[in-house]
Structures are given as C-alpha cells and as structure tokens.
Amino acid sequence: MNSVVPGGTSVSYGTNTPASIYAELIIEGKITDKGMICPEELSRAERDAFIAELGVRNLPVTRKDVVTAT
C-alpha cells in the first residue's frame, strides 16, 4: 500500500477511497440529492458509477449471481 499512498495502510485506503469517490461524484454533479443519503438510496446509475470507480482505484467489487431451480 505504501507504494500507492506513502504512509497509507490497507485500512486507511479502504476507508478513505470510497469517501473520496462520493465527494467527487457530488462535486461533478453526478449525485444531486441533498442531506444524508445511504448508498442503497442512490440510483442504479450512481451506484454503478461508484462501483466502476472503485475498480479503477484497485478496490474491485465483484458480484456473483446464483440461480436456483424452482
């Protein structure tokens, strides 16, 4: 982690990076809601933009869909 962020730890990177992404999305006008908003309340497009940016910053999110027979 120190090679990416001098003095950083995996915990600090994992905590600060999502917050910085949300701040950038707000500044860029991609999130326009006001007040305290849970990530689950964001639109699908806003959440997808956040998840994509996590991948760009080496915090990839993966999803596994499981389909069961009925």
N, C-alpha and C. Protein backbone atom coordinates (compact mmCIF):
# COMPACT_ATOMS: atom_id res chain seq x y z
N MET A 1 0.81 -1.20 0.00
CA MET A 1 0.00 0.00 0.00
C MET A 1 0.85 1.26 0.00
N ASN A 2 2.01 1.21 0.66
CA ASN A 2 2.87 2.39 0.71
C ASN A 2 3.35 2.83 -0.66
N SER A 3 3.37 1.91 -1.63
CA SER A 3 3.80 2.30 -2.97
C SER A 3 2.72 3.13 -3.66
N VAL A 4 1.46 2.95 -3.26
CA VAL A 4 0.35 3.71 -3.86
C VAL A 4 0.15 5.02 -3.11
N VAL A 5 0.08 4.94 -1.79
CA VAL A 5 -0.12 6.11 -0.94
C VAL A 5 0.94 6.05 0.16
N PRO A 6 1.97 6.88 0.06
CA PRO A 6 3.02 6.85 1.09
C PRO A 6 2.43 7.06 2.49
N GLY A 7 2.74 6.15 3.39
CA GLY A 7 2.23 6.24 4.75
C GLY A 7 0.85 5.63 4.92
N GLY A 8 0.26 5.18 3.81
CA GLY A 8 -1.08 4.62 3.87
C GLY A 8 -1.07 3.16 4.27
N THR A 9 -2.20 2.72 4.78
CA THR A 9 -2.38 1.31 5.11
C THR A 9 -3.57 0.80 4.32
N SER A 10 -3.73 -0.50 4.28
CA SER A 10 -4.88 -1.05 3.55
C SER A 10 -6.19 -0.61 4.20
N VAL A 11 -6.18 -0.44 5.51
CA VAL A 11 -7.40 0.02 6.19
C VAL A 11 -7.70 1.47 5.84
N SER A 12 -6.69 2.33 5.87
CA SER A 12 -6.94 3.74 5.55
C SER A 12 -7.34 3.91 4.09
N TYR A 13 -6.73 3.13 3.19
CA TYR A 13 -7.07 3.23 1.78
C TYR A 13 -8.51 2.76 1.54
N GLY A 14 -8.89 1.66 2.21
CA GLY A 14 -10.24 1.13 2.05
C GLY A 14 -11.31 2.00 2.68
N THR A 15 -10.92 2.82 3.63
CA THR A 15 -11.87 3.73 4.28
C THR A 15 -11.96 5.05 3.54
N ASN A 16 -10.84 5.61 3.16
CA ASN A 16 -10.82 6.95 2.56
C ASN A 16 -11.20 6.96 1.08
N THR A 17 -10.88 5.91 0.37
CA THR A 17 -11.13 5.91 -1.07
C THR A 17 -12.62 6.00 -1.41
N PRO A 18 -13.49 5.20 -0.80
CA PRO A 18 -14.92 5.35 -1.11
C PRO A 18 -15.45 6.75 -0.79
N ALA A 19 -15.01 7.32 0.32
CA ALA A 19 -15.46 8.66 0.68
C ALA A 19 -15.02 9.68 -0.36
N SER A 20 -13.79 9.54 -0.87
CA SER A 20 -13.31 10.49 -1.87
C SER A 20 -14.05 10.32 -3.19
N ILE A 21 -14.43 9.11 -3.51
CA ILE A 21 -15.20 8.88 -4.75
C ILE A 21 -16.57 9.55 -4.63
N TYR A 22 -17.25 9.35 -3.51
CA TYR A 22 -18.55 10.00 -3.33
C TYR A 22 -18.42 11.52 -3.39
N ALA A 23 -17.36 12.06 -2.78
CA ALA A 23 -17.15 13.52 -2.83
C ALA A 23 -16.98 13.99 -4.27
N GLU A 24 -16.21 13.25 -5.06
CA GLU A 24 -16.02 13.62 -6.46
C GLU A 24 -17.33 13.54 -7.25
N LEU A 25 -18.12 12.51 -7.00
CA LEU A 25 -19.41 12.37 -7.70
C LEU A 25 -20.34 13.53 -7.35
N ILE A 26 -20.30 14.00 -6.11
CA ILE A 26 -21.12 15.15 -5.70
C ILE A 26 -20.62 16.41 -6.40
N ILE A 27 -19.32 16.64 -6.37
CA ILE A 27 -18.74 17.85 -6.98
C ILE A 27 -19.00 17.88 -8.48
N GLU A 28 -18.94 16.71 -9.13
CA GLU A 28 -19.17 16.63 -10.57
C GLU A 28 -20.66 16.70 -10.93
N GLY A 29 -21.53 16.74 -9.93
CA GLY A 29 -22.96 16.83 -10.19
C GLY A 29 -23.60 15.50 -10.56
N LYS A 30 -22.89 14.40 -10.35
CA LYS A 30 -23.44 13.08 -10.68
C LYS A 30 -24.34 12.56 -9.56
N ILE A 31 -24.18 13.10 -8.36
CA ILE A 31 -25.10 12.85 -7.25
C ILE A 31 -25.64 14.21 -6.86
N THR A 32 -26.94 14.37 -6.96
CA THR A 32 -27.54 15.68 -6.71
C THR A 32 -28.44 15.71 -5.48
N ASP A 33 -28.70 14.56 -4.86
CA ASP A 33 -29.53 14.55 -3.66
C ASP A 33 -28.84 15.31 -2.55
N LYS A 34 -29.64 15.89 -1.66
CA LYS A 34 -29.11 16.67 -0.54
C LYS A 34 -29.32 15.89 0.76
N GLY A 35 -28.49 16.19 1.75
CA GLY A 35 -28.64 15.57 3.06
C GLY A 35 -27.90 14.25 3.15
N MET A 36 -28.20 13.53 4.23
CA MET A 36 -27.57 12.23 4.43
C MET A 36 -28.29 11.19 3.58
N ILE A 37 -27.52 10.50 2.78
CA ILE A 37 -28.08 9.52 1.86
C ILE A 37 -27.32 8.21 2.02
N CYS A 38 -28.05 7.16 2.23
CA CYS A 38 -27.42 5.83 2.28
C CYS A 38 -27.11 5.40 0.85
N PRO A 39 -26.01 4.70 0.64
CA PRO A 39 -25.68 4.25 -0.71
C PRO A 39 -26.82 3.47 -1.37
N GLU A 40 -27.59 2.76 -0.56
CA GLU A 40 -28.70 1.97 -1.11
C GLU A 40 -29.79 2.84 -1.71
N GLU A 41 -29.85 4.11 -1.32
CA GLU A 41 -30.86 5.04 -1.81
C GLU A 41 -30.48 5.67 -3.14
N LEU A 42 -29.24 5.54 -3.56
CA LEU A 42 -28.81 6.12 -4.82
C LEU A 42 -29.40 5.35 -5.99
N SER A 43 -29.46 6.02 -7.12
CA SER A 43 -29.97 5.35 -8.32
C SER A 43 -28.98 4.27 -8.76
N ARG A 44 -29.46 3.38 -9.59
CA ARG A 44 -28.60 2.31 -10.10
C ARG A 44 -27.41 2.90 -10.86
N ALA A 45 -27.65 3.95 -11.64
CA ALA A 45 -26.55 4.58 -12.40
C ALA A 45 -25.50 5.17 -11.46
N GLU A 46 -25.94 5.79 -10.37
CA GLU A 46 -25.00 6.37 -9.41
C GLU A 46 -24.19 5.28 -8.71
N ARG A 47 -24.85 4.20 -8.34
CA ARG A 47 -24.14 3.10 -7.70
C ARG A 47 -23.17 2.43 -8.67
N ASP A 48 -23.58 2.26 -9.91
CA ASP A 48 -22.70 1.66 -10.91
C ASP A 48 -21.47 2.52 -11.16
N ALA A 49 -21.65 3.84 -11.18
CA ALA A 49 -20.51 4.75 -11.36
C ALA A 49 -19.55 4.63 -10.18
N PHE A 50 -20.09 4.52 -8.98
CA PHE A 50 -19.26 4.36 -7.79
C PHE A 50 -18.47 3.05 -7.84
N ILE A 51 -19.15 1.96 -8.16
CA ILE A 51 -18.50 0.65 -8.21
C ILE A 51 -17.43 0.61 -9.31
N ALA A 52 -17.71 1.23 -10.44
CA ALA A 52 -16.72 1.28 -11.52
C ALA A 52 -15.48 2.04 -11.07
N GLU A 53 -15.68 3.14 -10.38
CA GLU A 53 -14.53 3.94 -9.92
C GLU A 53 -13.73 3.19 -8.85
N LEU A 54 -14.40 2.40 -8.02
CA LEU A 54 -13.67 1.57 -7.07
C LEU A 54 -12.70 0.65 -7.80
N GLY A 55 -13.15 0.06 -8.89
CA GLY A 55 -12.27 -0.81 -9.68
C GLY A 55 -11.08 -0.07 -10.24
N VAL A 56 -11.31 1.15 -10.70
CA VAL A 56 -10.21 1.96 -11.24
C VAL A 56 -9.15 2.21 -10.17
N ARG A 57 -9.61 2.32 -8.92
CA ARG A 57 -8.69 2.62 -7.82
C ARG A 57 -8.24 1.38 -7.05
N ASN A 58 -8.27 0.25 -7.68
CA ASN A 58 -7.78 -1.02 -7.11
C ASN A 58 -8.58 -1.52 -5.91
N LEU A 59 -9.87 -1.23 -5.87
CA LEU A 59 -10.77 -1.81 -4.87
C LEU A 59 -11.95 -2.43 -5.62
N PRO A 60 -11.69 -3.46 -6.42
CA PRO A 60 -12.76 -4.01 -7.25
C PRO A 60 -13.87 -4.66 -6.43
N VAL A 61 -15.08 -4.51 -6.93
CA VAL A 61 -16.24 -5.16 -6.34
C VAL A 61 -16.72 -6.19 -7.35
N THR A 62 -16.89 -7.40 -6.88
CA THR A 62 -17.38 -8.45 -7.76
C THR A 62 -18.75 -8.90 -7.29
N ARG A 63 -19.50 -9.45 -8.20
CA ARG A 63 -20.84 -9.92 -7.88
C ARG A 63 -21.01 -11.30 -8.47
N LYS A 64 -21.63 -12.14 -7.71
CA LYS A 64 -21.89 -13.49 -8.19
C LYS A 64 -23.40 -13.71 -8.12
N ASP A 65 -23.99 -13.98 -9.26
CA ASP A 65 -25.41 -14.29 -9.30
C ASP A 65 -25.59 -15.79 -9.20
N VAL A 66 -26.47 -16.18 -8.32
CA VAL A 66 -26.75 -17.60 -8.15
C VAL A 66 -28.20 -17.84 -8.55
N VAL A 67 -28.36 -18.74 -9.48
CA VAL A 67 -29.71 -19.08 -9.94
C VAL A 67 -30.02 -20.49 -9.47
N THR A 68 -31.15 -20.63 -8.82
CA THR A 68 -31.53 -21.95 -8.34
C THR A 68 -32.78 -22.41 -9.10
N ALA A 69 -32.85 -23.69 -9.30
CA ALA A 69 -34.02 -24.26 -9.97
C ALA A 69 -35.21 -24.24 -9.04
N THR A 70 -36.37 -23.98 -9.59
CA THR A 70 -37.57 -23.95 -8.77
C THR A 70 -38.42 -25.18 -8.97
